[in-house]
Protein backbone atom coordinates (compact mmCIF):
# COMPACT_ATOMS: atom_id res chain seq x y z
CA MET A 1 12.66 -111.82 -86.05
CA ALA A 2 9.47 -110.42 -84.50
CA ILE A 3 9.82 -109.61 -80.73
CA LYS A 4 7.90 -111.39 -78.25
CA SER A 5 4.93 -110.07 -76.07
CA LEU A 6 5.20 -111.69 -72.55
CA VAL A 7 1.66 -110.80 -72.42
CA VAL A 8 -1.00 -113.57 -73.12
CA GLN A 9 -3.47 -112.40 -75.55
CA VAL A 10 -6.10 -109.84 -73.76
CA GLY A 11 -8.87 -107.34 -74.87
CA VAL A 12 -11.37 -105.53 -73.39
CA ASP A 13 -15.13 -106.07 -74.96
CA VAL A 14 -18.94 -106.04 -73.65
CA ALA A 15 -20.66 -109.23 -72.77
CA GLY A 16 -22.90 -110.12 -75.08
CA LYS A 17 -25.37 -111.91 -72.36
CA SER A 18 -25.51 -111.98 -69.09
CA HIS A 19 -23.52 -114.92 -67.12
CA ASN A 20 -20.28 -115.11 -64.32
CA CYS A 21 -17.33 -113.97 -63.72
CA GLN A 22 -14.32 -116.66 -64.05
CA ALA A 23 -12.20 -115.64 -60.81
CA ASN A 24 -15.57 -115.42 -58.78
CA SER A 25 -19.13 -116.60 -59.26
CA LYS A 26 -20.35 -114.01 -57.46
CA HIS A 27 -19.68 -111.28 -59.39
CA ARG A 28 -22.54 -111.23 -62.13
CA ILE A 29 -21.80 -109.42 -65.26
CA ALA A 30 -24.80 -107.80 -66.85
CA MET A 31 -25.42 -108.30 -70.13
CA GLY A 32 -23.90 -104.59 -72.31
CA GLU A 33 -21.10 -104.46 -69.59
CA VAL A 34 -17.75 -103.75 -70.09
CA ARG A 35 -15.23 -107.32 -69.16
CA LEU A 36 -11.96 -108.12 -69.62
CA LYS A 37 -11.14 -111.62 -71.30
CA VAL A 38 -7.57 -113.57 -71.77
CA ARG A 39 -7.39 -116.11 -74.32
CA ASN A 40 -6.69 -119.91 -72.10
CA GLY A 41 -6.39 -122.35 -75.01
CA ARG A 42 -8.62 -121.94 -77.70
CA SER A 43 -11.23 -120.29 -75.48
CA TRP A 44 -11.36 -117.64 -73.78
CA ASP A 45 -11.91 -116.39 -69.97
CA HIS A 46 -14.33 -113.57 -69.44
CA TYR A 47 -13.74 -111.19 -65.58
CA CYS A 48 -15.45 -108.38 -64.25
CA ARG A 49 -14.21 -104.89 -63.84
CA ALA A 50 -13.36 -105.50 -60.32
CA CYS A 51 -11.46 -108.95 -60.39
CA ALA A 52 -10.53 -107.06 -63.97
CA GLU A 53 -9.18 -104.77 -61.85
CA THR A 54 -6.70 -106.71 -59.43
CA ILE A 55 -6.05 -109.05 -61.95
CA ILE A 56 -4.06 -106.13 -64.32
CA ALA A 57 -2.54 -104.46 -61.00
CA ARG A 58 -1.10 -108.00 -60.39
CA ASP A 59 -0.05 -107.78 -62.74
CA LEU A 60 1.69 -105.08 -63.37
CA GLU A 61 3.84 -105.19 -59.78
CA LYS A 62 5.51 -108.40 -61.70
CA LEU A 63 6.41 -106.70 -64.70
CA THR A 64 7.52 -104.08 -62.62
CA THR A 65 9.86 -106.11 -60.50
CA LEU A 66 10.86 -108.07 -63.79
CA ARG A 67 11.31 -105.17 -65.47
CA ALA A 68 14.91 -104.96 -63.46
CA LEU A 69 16.28 -107.77 -64.55
CA ARG A 70 17.50 -109.65 -61.55
CA PRO A 71 18.07 -113.04 -61.05
CA ALA A 72 14.96 -114.29 -58.78
CA GLY A 73 18.04 -115.57 -56.07
CA GLU A 74 19.67 -112.52 -56.20
CA ALA A 75 19.90 -110.24 -53.04
CA GLY A 76 17.90 -107.39 -53.33
CA ALA A 77 15.49 -108.92 -55.27
């Protein structure tokens, strides 16, 4: 049996054309810039570097909390 991953399919690539960030339409991803891509059903959501860093930091914090393996209602959680 394969071991499952909590991390959905994600990757880093280079934008083929300029477009807005999925998290903040005021953030523009220029052609050739590095971006975070996250699988969303059958397509991909793309995020600029600033939003990607926020997303990754938040998710690392969640994973660190999960690592303690404490039920949500337990004292000290």
